[in-house]
């Protein structure tokens, strides 16, 4: 347990140092760009006094290292500053969108993880059958297909043709929880199809590797049913590789959700990152 906590702390520290280095590189690169941000915002018709006032307002008259430290101090305090585009606080602008993105990713994870484990167990239970081959074909197809293509296919079949779910996921602050679930179900299904393939295949492979062990054969000789052997004996010993793949795919959901948000006009971070 101590080793795991130490490794987790090292990973977190490495991630923070990476973010710090990236932010510093981006800040230096932007600072070295030619031109003046205040003049670009106000246009060529602006007077020197107006440009100077805006430079003071934005802190552009300060040395670069002071500006970076001020920005970094604000980030550490949870203050992301003010948007130049609309003059609103960035915390206010991103707050709802961050919640919507996390909601969609968690919703998809709640569907994908149990479904992947269930399908993986069945694929190991009925290995080399029609079900196993069908699942392998479907999962390999979903892995090799881009998210936006899967999104458009489901949008056409489920929303346009069948009319079962809304085509646009335009949730608002006053949207009820049930309506929020309904409007995000189709994007969540897209993320589920794309992300569950790796988890299902790893579950199948991990269980099949354990089925040849002596204790599994002993349980079979005692008359235990194959499904019970897999659930009570094989699955607990296969958790390590399965959990690794699940964690990796949960991280992938945060990235994949951006493309899906754009397709379904979902008010998350995807609209700002694309």
C-alpha atoms as a PDB file:
ATOM      1  CA  UNK A   1       0.000   0.000   0.000  1.00  0.00           C
ATOM      2  CA  UNK A   2       2.858   2.348   0.868  1.00  0.00           C
ATOM      3  CA  UNK A   3       4.521   1.592  -2.479  1.00  0.00           C
ATOM      4  CA  UNK A   4       1.298   2.382  -4.344  1.00  0.00           C
ATOM      5  CA  UNK A   5       0.853   5.698  -2.513  1.00  0.00           C
ATOM      6  CA  UNK A   6       4.479   6.609  -3.193  1.00  0.00           C
ATOM      7  CA  UNK A   7       4.104   5.818  -6.887  1.00  0.00           C
ATOM      8  CA  UNK A   8       0.851   7.801  -7.023  1.00  0.00           C
ATOM      9  CA  UNK A   9       2.520  10.799  -5.362  1.00  0.00           C
ATOM     10  CA  UNK A  10       5.399  10.613  -7.854  1.00  0.00           C
ATOM     11  CA  UNK A  11       2.966  10.520 -10.776  1.00  0.00           C
ATOM     12  CA  UNK A  12       1.046  13.521  -9.456  1.00  0.00           C
ATOM     13  CA  UNK A  13       4.260  15.479  -8.879  1.00  0.00           C
ATOM     14  CA  UNK A  14       5.513  14.598 -12.359  1.00  0.00           C
ATOM     15  CA  UNK A  15       2.195  15.714 -13.852  1.00  0.00           C
ATOM     16  CA  UNK A  16       2.338  19.056 -12.023  1.00  0.00           C
ATOM     17  CA  UNK A  17       5.924  19.654 -13.134  1.00  0.00           C
ATOM     18  CA  UNK A  18       4.929  18.838 -16.715  1.00  0.00           C
ATOM     19  CA  UNK A  19       2.053  21.322 -16.597  1.00  0.00           C
ATOM     20  CA  UNK A  20       4.371  23.968 -15.141  1.00  0.00           C
ATOM     21  CA  UNK A  21       6.947  23.420 -17.891  1.00  0.00           C
ATOM     22  CA  UNK A  22       4.307  23.519 -20.635  1.00  0.00           C
ATOM     23  CA  UNK A  23       2.741  26.721 -19.269  1.00  0.00           C
ATOM     24  CA  UNK A  24       6.172  28.369 -19.056  1.00  0.00           C
ATOM     25  CA  UNK A  25       7.080  27.396 -22.623  1.00  0.00           C
ATOM     26  CA  UNK A  26       3.738  28.645 -23.987  1.00  0.00           C
ATOM     27  CA  UNK A  27       4.023  31.914 -22.044  1.00  0.00           C
ATOM     28  CA  UNK A  28       7.554  32.563 -23.321  1.00  0.00           C
ATOM     29  CA  UNK A  29       6.552  31.705 -26.891  1.00  0.00           C
ATOM     30  CA  UNK A  30       3.574  34.086 -26.785  1.00  0.00           C
ATOM     31  CA  UNK A  31       5.693  36.838 -25.197  1.00  0.00           C
ATOM     32  CA  UNK A  32       8.232  36.630 -28.029  1.00  0.00           C
ATOM     33  CA  UNK A  33       5.615  36.989 -30.763  1.00  0.00           C
ATOM     34  CA  UNK A  34       5.865  40.254 -32.723  1.00  0.00           C
ATOM     35  CA  UNK A  35       3.193  42.914 -32.352  1.00  0.00           C
ATOM     36  CA  UNK A  36       1.209  44.283 -29.434  1.00  0.00           C
ATOM     37  CA  UNK A  37      -1.849  42.546 -27.985  1.00  0.00           C
ATOM     38  CA  UNK A  38      -3.465  45.843 -26.950  1.00  0.00           C
ATOM     39  CA  UNK A  39      -3.151  47.252 -30.477  1.00  0.00           C
ATOM     40  CA  UNK A  40      -4.546  44.026 -31.938  1.00  0.00           C
ATOM     41  CA  UNK A  41      -7.580  44.227 -29.644  1.00  0.00           C
ATOM     42  CA  UNK A  42      -8.328  47.928 -30.184  1.00  0.00           C
ATOM     43  CA  UNK A  43      -7.457  48.106 -33.871  1.00  0.00           C
ATOM     44  CA  UNK A  44      -5.393  50.566 -35.866  1.00  0.00           C
ATOM     45  CA  UNK A  45      -7.729  53.489 -35.166  1.00  0.00           C
ATOM     46  CA  UNK A  46      -6.985  53.467 -31.430  1.00  0.00           C
ATOM     47  CA  UNK A  47      -5.067  56.386 -29.939  1.00  0.00           C
ATOM     48  CA  UNK A  48      -1.759  55.827 -28.121  1.00  0.00           C
ATOM     49  CA  UNK A  49      -3.430  56.845 -24.847  1.00  0.00           C
ATOM     50  CA  UNK A  50      -6.140  54.198 -25.276  1.00  0.00           C
ATOM     51  CA  UNK A  51      -3.556  51.552 -26.131  1.00  0.00           C
ATOM     52  CA  UNK A  52      -1.459  52.497 -23.097  1.00  0.00           C
ATOM     53  CA  UNK A  53      -4.519  52.344 -20.829  1.00  0.00           C
ATOM     54  CA  UNK A  54      -5.434  48.880 -22.092  1.00  0.00           C
ATOM     55  CA  UNK A  55      -1.842  47.713 -21.657  1.00  0.00           C
ATOM     56  CA  UNK A  56      -1.969  48.814 -18.013  1.00  0.00           C
ATOM     57  CA  UNK A  57      -5.358  47.139 -17.563  1.00  0.00           C
ATOM     58  CA  UNK A  58      -4.073  43.847 -18.981  1.00  0.00           C
ATOM     59  CA  UNK A  59      -0.751  44.101 -17.174  1.00  0.00           C
ATOM     60  CA  UNK A  60       1.207  44.169 -20.436  1.00  0.00           C
ATOM     61  CA  UNK A  61       3.344  47.047 -19.164  1.00  0.00           C
ATOM     62  CA  UNK A  62       4.897  44.752 -16.545  1.00  0.00           C
ATOM     63  CA  UNK A  63       8.024  42.622 -17.149  1.00  0.00           C
ATOM     64  CA  UNK A  64       7.313  39.118 -18.498  1.00  0.00           C
ATOM     65  CA  UNK A  65       8.431  37.295 -15.358  1.00  0.00           C
ATOM     66  CA  UNK A  66       6.134  39.455 -13.185  1.00  0.00           C
ATOM     67  CA  UNK A  67       3.186  38.751 -15.491  1.00  0.00           C
ATOM     68  CA  UNK A  68       3.860  35.024 -15.403  1.00  0.00           C
ATOM     69  CA  UNK A  69       4.148  34.947 -11.613  1.00  0.00           C
ATOM     70  CA  UNK A  70       0.916  36.961 -11.284  1.00  0.00           C
ATOM     71  CA  UNK A  71      -0.856  34.532 -13.602  1.00  0.00           C
ATOM     72  CA  UNK A  72       0.573  31.496 -11.813  1.00  0.00           C
ATOM     73  CA  UNK A  73      -0.413  32.916  -8.419  1.00  0.00           C
ATOM     74  CA  UNK A  74      -3.964  33.446  -9.659  1.00  0.00           C
ATOM     75  CA  UNK A  75      -4.121  29.869 -10.978  1.00  0.00           C
ATOM     76  CA  UNK A  76      -2.965  28.483  -7.633  1.00  0.00           C
ATOM     77  CA  UNK A  77      -5.718  30.491  -5.918  1.00  0.00           C
ATOM     78  CA  UNK A  78      -8.371  29.321  -8.381  1.00  0.00           C
ATOM     79  CA  UNK A  79      -8.577  32.656 -10.231  1.00  0.00           C
ATOM     80  CA  UNK A  80      -8.241  32.100 -13.984  1.00  0.00           C
ATOM     81  CA  UNK A  81      -8.677  35.766 -14.847  1.00  0.00           C
ATOM     82  CA  UNK A  82     -11.031  37.509 -17.253  1.00  0.00           C
ATOM     83  CA  UNK A  83     -11.819  36.562 -20.835  1.00  0.00           C
ATOM     84  CA  UNK A  84     -10.669  39.149 -23.360  1.00  0.00           C
ATOM     85  CA  UNK A  85     -13.348  38.013 -25.801  1.00  0.00           C
ATOM     86  CA  UNK A  86     -16.457  38.698 -23.701  1.00  0.00           C
ATOM     87  CA  UNK A  87     -15.137  40.343 -20.526  1.00  0.00           C
ATOM     88  CA  UNK A  88     -16.591  37.624 -18.279  1.00  0.00           C
ATOM     89  CA  UNK A  89     -14.758  35.797 -15.527  1.00  0.00           C
ATOM     90  CA  UNK A  90     -13.198  32.603 -16.893  1.00  0.00           C
ATOM     91  CA  UNK A  91     -14.262  30.729 -13.753  1.00  0.00           C
ATOM     92  CA  UNK A  92     -17.863  31.673 -14.527  1.00  0.00           C
ATOM     93  CA  UNK A  93     -17.562  30.714 -18.191  1.00  0.00           C
ATOM     94  CA  UNK A  94     -15.840  27.374 -17.606  1.00  0.00           C
ATOM     95  CA  UNK A  95     -17.661  26.344 -14.438  1.00  0.00           C
ATOM     96  CA  UNK A  96     -20.798  24.990 -16.101  1.00  0.00           C
ATOM     97  CA  UNK A  97     -18.899  23.571 -19.071  1.00  0.00           C
ATOM     98  CA  UNK A  98     -16.456  21.662 -16.861  1.00  0.00           C
ATOM     99  CA  UNK A  99     -19.407  20.188 -14.961  1.00  0.00           C
ATOM    100  CA  UNK A 100     -21.119  19.173 -18.215  1.00  0.00           C
ATOM    101  CA  UNK A 101     -17.961  17.518 -19.569  1.00  0.00           C
ATOM    102  CA  UNK A 102     -17.339  15.596 -16.342  1.00  0.00           C
ATOM    103  CA  UNK A 103     -21.019  14.592 -16.212  1.00  0.00           C
ATOM    104  CA  UNK A 104     -20.892  13.174 -19.748  1.00  0.00           C
ATOM    105  CA  UNK A 105     -17.600  11.345 -19.138  1.00  0.00           C
ATOM    106  CA  UNK A 106     -18.846   9.795 -15.881  1.00  0.00           C
ATOM    107  CA  UNK A 107     -22.176   8.866 -17.464  1.00  0.00           C
ATOM    108  CA  UNK A 108     -20.350   7.088 -20.294  1.00  0.00           C
ATOM    109  CA  UNK A 109     -18.023   5.370 -17.809  1.00  0.00           C
ATOM    110  CA  UNK A 110     -20.978   4.092 -15.767  1.00  0.00           C
ATOM    111  CA  UNK A 111     -22.281   2.420 -18.925  1.00  0.00           C
ATOM    112  CA  UNK A 112     -19.002   1.322 -20.517  1.00  0.00           C
ATOM    113  CA  UNK A 113     -17.198  -0.296 -17.572  1.00  0.00           C
ATOM    114  CA  UNK A 114     -19.941  -2.723 -16.402  1.00  0.00           C
ATOM    115  CA  UNK A 115     -20.925  -3.515 -19.990  1.00  0.00           C
ATOM    116  CA  UNK A 116     -17.306  -4.202 -20.992  1.00  0.00           C
ATOM    117  CA  UNK A 117     -16.764  -6.499 -18.003  1.00  0.00           C
ATOM    118  CA  UNK A 118     -20.004  -8.372 -18.680  1.00  0.00           C
ATOM    119  CA  UNK A 119     -19.299  -8.809 -22.401  1.00  0.00           C
ATOM    120  CA  UNK A 120     -15.692  -9.807 -21.681  1.00  0.00           C
ATOM    121  CA  UNK A 121     -16.784 -12.483 -19.200  1.00  0.00           C
ATOM    122  CA  UNK A 122     -19.315 -13.861 -21.681  1.00  0.00           C
ATOM    123  CA  UNK A 123     -16.702 -13.847 -24.459  1.00  0.00           C
ATOM    124  CA  UNK A 124     -14.356 -15.885 -22.242  1.00  0.00           C
ATOM    125  CA  UNK A 125     -17.205 -18.181 -21.202  1.00  0.00           C
ATOM    126  CA  UNK A 126     -18.286 -18.839 -24.809  1.00  0.00           C
ATOM    127  CA  UNK A 127     -14.849 -18.679 -26.409  1.00  0.00           C
ATOM    128  CA  UNK A 128     -14.629 -19.414 -30.159  1.00  0.00           C
ATOM    129  CA  UNK A 129     -18.414 -19.345 -30.529  1.00  0.00           C
ATOM    130  CA  UNK A 130     -20.501 -17.123 -32.783  1.00  0.00           C
ATOM    131  CA  UNK A 131     -20.996 -14.683 -29.904  1.00  0.00           C
ATOM    132  CA  UNK A 132     -17.242 -14.433 -29.306  1.00  0.00           C
ATOM    133  CA  UNK A 133     -16.489 -13.858 -32.982  1.00  0.00           C
ATOM    134  CA  UNK A 134     -19.273 -11.291 -33.314  1.00  0.00           C
ATOM    135  CA  UNK A 135     -18.079  -9.344 -30.285  1.00  0.00           C
ATOM    136  CA  UNK A 136     -14.499  -9.411 -31.576  1.00  0.00           C
ATOM    137  CA  UNK A 137     -15.579  -8.030 -34.952  1.00  0.00           C
ATOM    138  CA  UNK A 138     -17.693  -5.289 -33.350  1.00  0.00           C
ATOM    139  CA  UNK A 139     -14.980  -4.251 -30.904  1.00  0.00           C
ATOM    140  CA  UNK A 140     -12.236  -4.212 -33.535  1.00  0.00           C
ATOM    141  CA  UNK A 141     -14.492  -2.122 -35.777  1.00  0.00           C
ATOM    142  CA  UNK A 142     -15.209   0.360 -32.991  1.00  0.00           C
ATOM    143  CA  UNK A 143     -11.507   0.664 -32.138  1.00  0.00           C
ATOM    144  CA  UNK A 144     -10.584   1.487 -35.742  1.00  0.00           C
ATOM    145  CA  UNK A 145     -13.484   3.902 -36.328  1.00  0.00           C
ATOM    146  CA  UNK A 146     -13.150   7.602 -35.403  1.00  0.00           C
ATOM    147  CA  UNK A 147     -15.465   8.940 -32.713  1.00  0.00           C
ATOM    148  CA  UNK A 148     -17.128  11.474 -34.997  1.00  0.00           C
ATOM    149  CA  UNK A 149     -18.025   8.762 -37.540  1.00  0.00           C
ATOM    150  CA  UNK A 150     -19.592   6.565 -34.855  1.00  0.00           C
ATOM    151  CA  UNK A 151     -21.429   9.640 -33.577  1.00  0.00           C
ATOM    152  CA  UNK A 152     -22.896  10.445 -36.999  1.00  0.00           C
ATOM    153  CA  UNK A 153     -23.953   6.819 -37.557  1.00  0.00           C
ATOM    154  CA  UNK A 154     -25.795   6.617 -34.217  1.00  0.00           C
ATOM    155  CA  UNK A 155     -27.212  10.084 -34.780  1.00  0.00           C
ATOM    156  CA  UNK A 156     -28.662   8.969 -38.108  1.00  0.00           C
ATOM    157  CA  UNK A 157     -30.027   5.630 -36.886  1.00  0.00           C
ATOM    158  CA  UNK A 158     -31.253   6.433 -33.369  1.00  0.00           C
ATOM    159  CA  UNK A 159     -32.205  10.085 -33.625  1.00  0.00           C
ATOM    160  CA  UNK A 160     -33.067  10.889 -37.253  1.00  0.00           C
ATOM    161  CA  UNK A 161     -34.498   7.539 -38.421  1.00  0.00           C
ATOM    162  CA  UNK A 162     -35.986   6.107 -35.214  1.00  0.00           C
ATOM    163  CA  UNK A 163     -36.551   9.337 -33.287  1.00  0.00           C
ATOM    164  CA  UNK A 164     -35.830   7.670 -29.948  1.00  0.00           C
ATOM    165  CA  UNK A 165     -33.423  10.272 -28.590  1.00  0.00           C
ATOM    166  CA  UNK A 166     -32.864  13.996 -29.280  1.00  0.00           C
ATOM    167  CA  UNK A 167     -30.211  14.818 -31.862  1.00  0.00           C
ATOM    168  CA  UNK A 168     -28.907  17.876 -29.997  1.00  0.00           C
ATOM    169  CA  UNK A 169     -27.684  17.759 -26.408  1.00  0.00           C
ATOM    170  CA  UNK A 170     -28.388  21.408 -25.613  1.00  0.00           C
ATOM    171  CA  UNK A 171     -28.661  21.178 -21.829  1.00  0.00           C
ATOM    172  CA  UNK A 172     -28.997  24.341 -19.725  1.00  0.00           C
ATOM    173  CA  UNK A 173     -28.629  25.289 -16.082  1.00  0.00           C
ATOM    174  CA  UNK A 174     -32.366  24.847 -15.488  1.00  0.00           C
ATOM    175  CA  UNK A 175     -32.454  21.412 -17.177  1.00  0.00           C
ATOM    176  CA  UNK A 176     -33.745  18.710 -14.847  1.00  0.00           C
ATOM    177  CA  UNK A 177     -31.559  15.717 -14.009  1.00  0.00           C
ATOM    178  CA  UNK A 178     -33.830  13.302 -15.908  1.00  0.00           C
ATOM    179  CA  UNK A 179     -33.813  15.522 -19.001  1.00  0.00           C
ATOM    180  CA  UNK A 180     -30.043  15.911 -18.673  1.00  0.00           C
ATOM    181  CA  UNK A 181     -29.678  12.126 -18.726  1.00  0.00           C
ATOM    182  CA  UNK A 182     -31.954  11.821 -21.755  1.00  0.00           C
ATOM    183  CA  UNK A 183     -30.083  14.458 -23.753  1.00  0.00           C
ATOM    184  CA  UNK A 184     -26.661  13.027 -22.916  1.00  0.00           C
ATOM    185  CA  UNK A 185     -27.557   9.361 -23.435  1.00  0.00           C
ATOM    186  CA  UNK A 186     -26.738   9.345 -27.152  1.00  0.00           C
ATOM    187  CA  UNK A 187     -23.293  10.998 -26.725  1.00  0.00           C
ATOM    188  CA  UNK A 188     -22.642   8.607 -23.826  1.00  0.00           C
ATOM    189  CA  UNK A 189     -23.477   5.629 -26.067  1.00  0.00           C
ATOM    190  CA  UNK A 190     -20.960   6.855 -28.640  1.00  0.00           C
ATOM    191  CA  UNK A 191     -18.239   7.090 -26.000  1.00  0.00           C
ATOM    192  CA  UNK A 192     -19.249   3.676 -24.678  1.00  0.00           C
ATOM    193  CA  UNK A 193     -18.869   1.972 -28.057  1.00  0.00           C
ATOM    194  CA  UNK A 194     -15.489   3.572 -28.671  1.00  0.00           C
ATOM    195  CA  UNK A 195     -13.994   3.050 -25.206  1.00  0.00           C
ATOM    196  CA  UNK A 196     -15.359  -0.324 -24.069  1.00  0.00           C
ATOM    197  CA  UNK A 197     -13.561  -2.370 -26.738  1.00  0.00           C
ATOM    198  CA  UNK A 198     -10.149  -2.334 -25.023  1.00  0.00           C
ATOM    199  CA  UNK A 199     -11.665  -3.095 -21.618  1.00  0.00           C
ATOM    200  CA  UNK A 200     -13.738  -5.977 -22.954  1.00  0.00           C
ATOM    201  CA  UNK A 201     -10.853  -7.566 -24.856  1.00  0.00           C
ATOM    202  CA  UNK A 202      -8.531  -7.301 -21.851  1.00  0.00           C
ATOM    203  CA  UNK A 203     -11.181  -8.866 -19.601  1.00  0.00           C
ATOM    204  CA  UNK A 204     -11.598 -11.736 -22.053  1.00  0.00           C
ATOM    205  CA  UNK A 205      -7.842 -12.283 -22.464  1.00  0.00           C
ATOM    206  CA  UNK A 206      -7.094 -12.092 -18.723  1.00  0.00           C
ATOM    207  CA  UNK A 207      -9.789 -14.629 -17.843  1.00  0.00           C
ATOM    208  CA  UNK A 208      -8.839 -17.028 -20.645  1.00  0.00           C
ATOM    209  CA  UNK A 209      -5.204 -16.993 -19.460  1.00  0.00           C
ATOM    210  CA  UNK A 210      -6.325 -17.999 -15.967  1.00  0.00           C
ATOM    211  CA  UNK A 211      -8.659 -20.789 -17.071  1.00  0.00           C
ATOM    212  CA  UNK A 212      -5.699 -23.115 -17.702  1.00  0.00           C
ATOM    213  CA  UNK A 213      -4.463 -22.878 -14.096  1.00  0.00           C
ATOM    214  CA  UNK A 214      -4.632 -25.896 -11.806  1.00  0.00           C
ATOM    215  CA  UNK A 215      -7.001 -24.358  -9.260  1.00  0.00           C
ATOM    216  CA  UNK A 216      -9.485 -23.573 -12.041  1.00  0.00           C
ATOM    217  CA  UNK A 217      -9.351 -27.177 -13.253  1.00  0.00           C
ATOM    218  CA  UNK A 218      -9.785 -28.380  -9.661  1.00  0.00           C
ATOM    219  CA  UNK A 219     -12.909 -26.249  -9.290  1.00  0.00           C
ATOM    220  CA  UNK A 220     -14.268 -27.715 -12.536  1.00  0.00           C
ATOM    221  CA  UNK A 221     -13.582 -31.257 -11.310  1.00  0.00           C
ATOM    222  CA  UNK A 222     -15.580 -30.498  -8.172  1.00  0.00           C
ATOM    223  CA  UNK A 223     -18.621 -29.880 -10.360  1.00  0.00           C
ATOM    224  CA  UNK A 224     -18.773 -26.082 -10.221  1.00  0.00           C
ATOM    225  CA  UNK A 225     -20.494 -24.426 -13.155  1.00  0.00           C
ATOM    226  CA  UNK A 226     -18.203 -22.638 -15.607  1.00  0.00           C
ATOM    227  CA  UNK A 227     -19.791 -19.212 -15.068  1.00  0.00           C
ATOM    228  CA  UNK A 228     -19.393 -19.550 -11.294  1.00  0.00           C
ATOM    229  CA  UNK A 229     -15.748 -20.593 -11.751  1.00  0.00           C
ATOM    230  CA  UNK A 230     -15.051 -17.492 -13.838  1.00  0.00           C
ATOM    231  CA  UNK A 231     -16.823 -15.058 -11.501  1.00  0.00           C
ATOM    232  CA  UNK A 232     -15.580 -16.456  -8.175  1.00  0.00           C
ATOM    233  CA  UNK A 233     -12.118 -17.796  -9.085  1.00  0.00           C
ATOM    234  CA  UNK A 234     -10.802 -16.373 -12.371  1.00  0.00           C
ATOM    235  CA  UNK A 235     -12.138 -12.813 -12.244  1.00  0.00           C
ATOM    236  CA  UNK A 236     -10.700 -11.855  -8.799  1.00  0.00           C
ATOM    237  CA  UNK A 237      -7.221 -12.877  -9.977  1.00  0.00           C
ATOM    238  CA  UNK A 238      -7.613 -11.016 -13.280  1.00  0.00           C
ATOM    239  CA  UNK A 239      -8.384  -7.633 -11.730  1.00  0.00           C
ATOM    240  CA  UNK A 240      -4.841  -6.203 -12.022  1.00  0.00           C
ATOM    241  CA  UNK A 241      -4.611  -6.010 -15.850  1.00  0.00           C
ATOM    242  CA  UNK A 242      -8.306  -5.188 -16.140  1.00  0.00           C
ATOM    243  CA  UNK A 243      -8.053  -2.235 -13.742  1.00  0.00           C
ATOM    244  CA  UNK A 244      -5.041  -0.876 -15.645  1.00  0.00           C
ATOM    245  CA  UNK A 245      -6.964  -0.877 -18.916  1.00  0.00           C
ATOM    246  CA  UNK A 246     -10.062   0.611 -17.259  1.00  0.00           C
ATOM    247  CA  UNK A 247      -8.047   3.507 -15.814  1.00  0.00           C
ATOM    248  CA  UNK A 248      -6.386   4.185 -19.171  1.00  0.00           C
ATOM    249  CA  UNK A 249      -9.748   4.212 -20.947  1.00  0.00           C
ATOM    250  CA  UNK A 250     -11.300   6.477 -18.322  1.00  0.00           C
ATOM    251  CA  UNK A 251      -8.527   8.965 -19.049  1.00  0.00           C
ATOM    252  CA  UNK A 252      -9.259   8.526 -22.758  1.00  0.00           C
ATOM    253  CA  UNK A 253     -12.910   9.394 -22.154  1.00  0.00           C
ATOM    254  CA  UNK A 254     -11.915  12.921 -21.138  1.00  0.00           C
ATOM    255  CA  UNK A 255     -10.167  13.327 -24.506  1.00  0.00           C
ATOM    256  CA  UNK A 256     -12.782  11.536 -26.599  1.00  0.00           C
ATOM    257  CA  UNK A 257     -15.608  13.516 -25.074  1.00  0.00           C
ATOM    258  CA  UNK A 258     -14.345  16.687 -26.777  1.00  0.00           C
ATOM    259  CA  UNK A 259     -15.049  15.420 -30.306  1.00  0.00           C
ATOM    260  CA  UNK A 260     -18.428  14.010 -29.293  1.00  0.00           C
ATOM    261  CA  UNK A 261     -19.432  17.308 -27.676  1.00  0.00           C
ATOM    262  CA  UNK A 262     -18.838  19.160 -30.932  1.00  0.00           C
ATOM    263  CA  UNK A 263     -20.949  16.703 -32.953  1.00  0.00           C
ATOM    264  CA  UNK A 264     -23.922  16.885 -30.572  1.00  0.00           C
ATOM    265  CA  UNK A 265     -23.493  20.628 -29.790  1.00  0.00           C
ATOM    266  CA  UNK A 266     -23.098  19.708 -26.137  1.00  0.00           C
ATOM    267  CA  UNK A 267     -22.182  22.728 -23.961  1.00  0.00           C
ATOM    268  CA  UNK A 268     -18.945  21.338 -22.567  1.00  0.00           C
ATOM    269  CA  UNK A 269     -15.267  22.134 -22.939  1.00  0.00           C
ATOM    270  CA  UNK A 270     -15.220  20.715 -26.460  1.00  0.00           C
ATOM    271  CA  UNK A 271     -16.661  23.923 -27.910  1.00  0.00           C
ATOM    272  CA  UNK A 272     -13.668  25.861 -26.538  1.00  0.00           C
ATOM    273  CA  UNK A 273     -10.929  23.322 -27.248  1.00  0.00           C
ATOM    274  CA  UNK A 274     -11.707  22.673 -30.919  1.00  0.00           C
END
